[in-house]
Amino acid sequence: MSALILAVSGLACFAIGYRFYSSFIERKIFSISEYQDKTPTEEKTPKILKKSAEIFLIDAINANS
């Protein structure tokens, strides 16, 4: 029975650590909020390529319907 208690308490510690430490890493270490700008691929892709890709996808979706 003590092994079960030890296993449950270990899993609870992992869950608490995952919940709180992962948000700390996101905010303080990786600063993910700084990277909300466009990626280099988004900046360099011409609009004509984006439009042709949209048309291709719409045609592909309509063909499968």
N, C-alpha and C. Protein backbone atom coordinates (compact mmCIF):
# COMPACT_ATOMS: atom_id res chain seq x y z
N MET A 1 0.82 -1.19 0.00
CA MET A 1 0.00 0.00 0.00
C MET A 1 0.87 1.26 0.00
N SER A 2 2.01 1.21 0.67
CA SER A 2 2.87 2.39 0.72
C SER A 2 3.48 2.69 -0.65
N ALA A 3 3.66 1.66 -1.48
CA ALA A 3 4.18 1.89 -2.84
C ALA A 3 3.16 2.65 -3.68
N LEU A 4 1.90 2.35 -3.48
CA LEU A 4 0.84 3.05 -4.20
C LEU A 4 0.80 4.52 -3.80
N ILE A 5 0.93 4.80 -2.55
CA ILE A 5 0.94 6.19 -2.06
C ILE A 5 2.15 6.93 -2.62
N LEU A 6 3.28 6.27 -2.63
CA LEU A 6 4.50 6.87 -3.17
C LEU A 6 4.36 7.15 -4.67
N ALA A 7 3.77 6.22 -5.40
CA ALA A 7 3.58 6.42 -6.84
C ALA A 7 2.61 7.56 -7.12
N VAL A 8 1.52 7.63 -6.39
CA VAL A 8 0.53 8.70 -6.59
C VAL A 8 1.12 10.05 -6.22
N SER A 9 1.86 10.11 -5.14
CA SER A 9 2.47 11.39 -4.75
C SER A 9 3.54 11.81 -5.77
N GLY A 10 4.26 10.86 -6.33
CA GLY A 10 5.25 11.18 -7.36
C GLY A 10 4.59 11.72 -8.62
N LEU A 11 3.50 11.11 -9.04
CA LEU A 11 2.76 11.60 -10.21
C LEU A 11 2.15 12.98 -9.94
N ALA A 12 1.69 13.21 -8.73
CA ALA A 12 1.15 14.53 -8.38
C ALA A 12 2.24 15.60 -8.44
N CYS A 13 3.43 15.26 -7.98
CA CYS A 13 4.55 16.20 -8.07
C CYS A 13 4.91 16.51 -9.51
N PHE A 14 4.91 15.49 -10.36
CA PHE A 14 5.16 15.72 -11.78
C PHE A 14 4.11 16.63 -12.39
N ALA A 15 2.84 16.41 -12.05
CA ALA A 15 1.75 17.22 -12.61
C ALA A 15 1.86 18.67 -12.16
N ILE A 16 2.16 18.89 -10.91
CA ILE A 16 2.31 20.26 -10.40
C ILE A 16 3.52 20.92 -11.05
N GLY A 17 4.61 20.21 -11.16
CA GLY A 17 5.80 20.76 -11.81
C GLY A 17 5.55 21.09 -13.26
N TYR A 18 4.84 20.22 -13.96
CA TYR A 18 4.53 20.47 -15.37
C TYR A 18 3.67 21.72 -15.51
N ARG A 19 2.69 21.85 -14.64
CA ARG A 19 1.75 22.97 -14.73
C ARG A 19 2.44 24.31 -14.48
N PHE A 20 3.22 24.42 -13.44
CA PHE A 20 3.77 25.71 -13.04
C PHE A 20 5.17 25.98 -13.62
N TYR A 21 6.03 24.99 -13.66
CA TYR A 21 7.39 25.22 -14.15
C TYR A 21 7.41 25.44 -15.66
N SER A 22 6.52 24.80 -16.40
CA SER A 22 6.50 25.00 -17.85
C SER A 22 6.08 26.42 -18.20
N SER A 23 5.14 26.99 -17.46
CA SER A 23 4.77 28.38 -17.74
C SER A 23 5.90 29.34 -17.36
N PHE A 24 6.66 29.01 -16.31
CA PHE A 24 7.82 29.82 -15.94
C PHE A 24 8.87 29.79 -17.05
N ILE A 25 9.14 28.60 -17.57
CA ILE A 25 10.13 28.47 -18.65
C ILE A 25 9.68 29.26 -19.88
N GLU A 26 8.39 29.16 -20.19
CA GLU A 26 7.87 29.88 -21.36
C GLU A 26 8.05 31.38 -21.22
N ARG A 27 7.72 31.92 -20.05
CA ARG A 27 7.77 33.37 -19.87
C ARG A 27 9.18 33.90 -19.67
N LYS A 28 9.95 33.27 -18.82
CA LYS A 28 11.23 33.84 -18.40
C LYS A 28 12.43 33.40 -19.25
N ILE A 29 12.47 32.15 -19.65
CA ILE A 29 13.66 31.65 -20.31
C ILE A 29 13.55 31.79 -21.83
N PHE A 30 12.46 31.30 -22.42
CA PHE A 30 12.34 31.33 -23.88
C PHE A 30 11.72 32.61 -24.40
N SER A 31 11.02 33.35 -23.58
CA SER A 31 10.37 34.60 -23.97
C SER A 31 9.60 34.45 -25.28
N ILE A 32 8.70 33.49 -25.30
CA ILE A 32 7.94 33.18 -26.50
C ILE A 32 7.09 34.37 -26.93
N SER A 33 6.68 35.20 -26.01
CA SER A 33 5.85 36.35 -26.37
C SER A 33 6.59 37.34 -27.26
N GLU A 34 7.92 37.30 -27.27
CA GLU A 34 8.70 38.20 -28.13
C GLU A 34 8.61 37.81 -29.59
N TYR A 35 8.28 36.56 -29.89
CA TYR A 35 8.32 36.06 -31.25
C TYR A 35 6.95 36.04 -31.90
N GLN A 36 6.17 37.08 -31.71
CA GLN A 36 4.86 37.16 -32.33
C GLN A 36 4.91 37.80 -33.71
N ASP A 37 6.08 38.27 -34.12
CA ASP A 37 6.22 38.87 -35.43
C ASP A 37 6.16 37.79 -36.50
N LYS A 38 6.15 38.24 -37.76
CA LYS A 38 6.13 37.28 -38.86
C LYS A 38 7.49 36.58 -38.97
N THR A 39 7.42 35.35 -39.41
CA THR A 39 8.65 34.60 -39.63
C THR A 39 9.28 35.05 -40.95
N PRO A 40 10.56 34.76 -41.17
CA PRO A 40 11.18 35.17 -42.43
C PRO A 40 10.48 34.60 -43.66
N THR A 41 9.94 33.40 -43.56
CA THR A 41 9.23 32.82 -44.69
C THR A 41 7.98 33.61 -45.01
N GLU A 42 7.26 34.03 -43.97
CA GLU A 42 6.05 34.82 -44.19
C GLU A 42 6.37 36.18 -44.79
N GLU A 43 7.50 36.75 -44.41
CA GLU A 43 7.87 38.06 -44.93
C GLU A 43 8.33 38.00 -46.38
N LYS A 44 9.00 36.93 -46.78
CA LYS A 44 9.61 36.85 -48.10
C LYS A 44 8.71 36.23 -49.17
N THR A 45 7.63 35.55 -48.77
CA THR A 45 6.77 34.91 -49.75
C THR A 45 5.95 35.95 -50.48
N PRO A 46 6.05 35.99 -51.81
CA PRO A 46 5.26 36.96 -52.57
C PRO A 46 3.76 36.69 -52.45
N LYS A 47 2.98 37.74 -52.58
CA LYS A 47 1.53 37.60 -52.43
C LYS A 47 0.94 36.71 -53.52
N ILE A 48 1.52 36.72 -54.72
CA ILE A 48 0.99 35.91 -55.80
C ILE A 48 1.09 34.43 -55.49
N LEU A 49 2.18 34.02 -54.80
CA LEU A 49 2.32 32.62 -54.41
C LEU A 49 1.29 32.25 -53.35
N LYS A 50 1.05 33.16 -52.42
CA LYS A 50 0.05 32.88 -51.39
C LYS A 50 -1.32 32.72 -52.02
N LYS A 51 -1.65 33.60 -52.96
CA LYS A 51 -2.96 33.55 -53.60
C LYS A 51 -3.11 32.27 -54.41
N SER A 52 -2.07 31.87 -55.15
CA SER A 52 -2.16 30.65 -55.95
C SER A 52 -2.28 29.42 -55.05
N ALA A 53 -1.63 29.44 -53.90
CA ALA A 53 -1.74 28.33 -52.96
C ALA A 53 -3.15 28.25 -52.40
N GLU A 54 -3.77 29.39 -52.13
CA GLU A 54 -5.15 29.40 -51.64
C GLU A 54 -6.09 28.83 -52.68
N ILE A 55 -5.91 29.24 -53.93
CA ILE A 55 -6.77 28.75 -55.00
C ILE A 55 -6.59 27.24 -55.17
N PHE A 56 -5.36 26.76 -55.10
CA PHE A 56 -5.08 25.33 -55.22
C PHE A 56 -5.78 24.55 -54.12
N LEU A 57 -5.69 25.04 -52.89
CA LEU A 57 -6.31 24.34 -51.76
C LEU A 57 -7.83 24.34 -51.88
N ILE A 58 -8.40 25.46 -52.30
CA ILE A 58 -9.85 25.52 -52.46
C ILE A 58 -10.30 24.55 -53.54
N ASP A 59 -9.57 24.49 -54.65
CA ASP A 59 -9.91 23.55 -55.71
C ASP A 59 -9.78 22.10 -55.24
N ALA A 60 -8.76 21.82 -54.45
CA ALA A 60 -8.57 20.46 -53.94
C ALA A 60 -9.69 20.06 -52.99
N ILE A 61 -10.11 21.00 -52.16
CA ILE A 61 -11.20 20.71 -51.22
C ILE A 61 -12.50 20.49 -51.98
N ASN A 62 -12.77 21.33 -52.98
CA ASN A 62 -14.00 21.19 -53.76
C ASN A 62 -14.00 19.91 -54.59
N ALA A 63 -12.85 19.46 -55.03
CA ALA A 63 -12.78 18.24 -55.82
C ALA A 63 -13.09 17.01 -54.98
N ASN A 64 -12.75 17.07 -53.68
CA ASN A 64 -13.01 15.94 -52.79
C ASN A 64 -14.44 15.92 -52.26
N SER A 65 -15.15 17.00 -52.44
CA SER A 65 -16.52 17.07 -51.90
C SER A 65 -17.50 16.33 -52.77
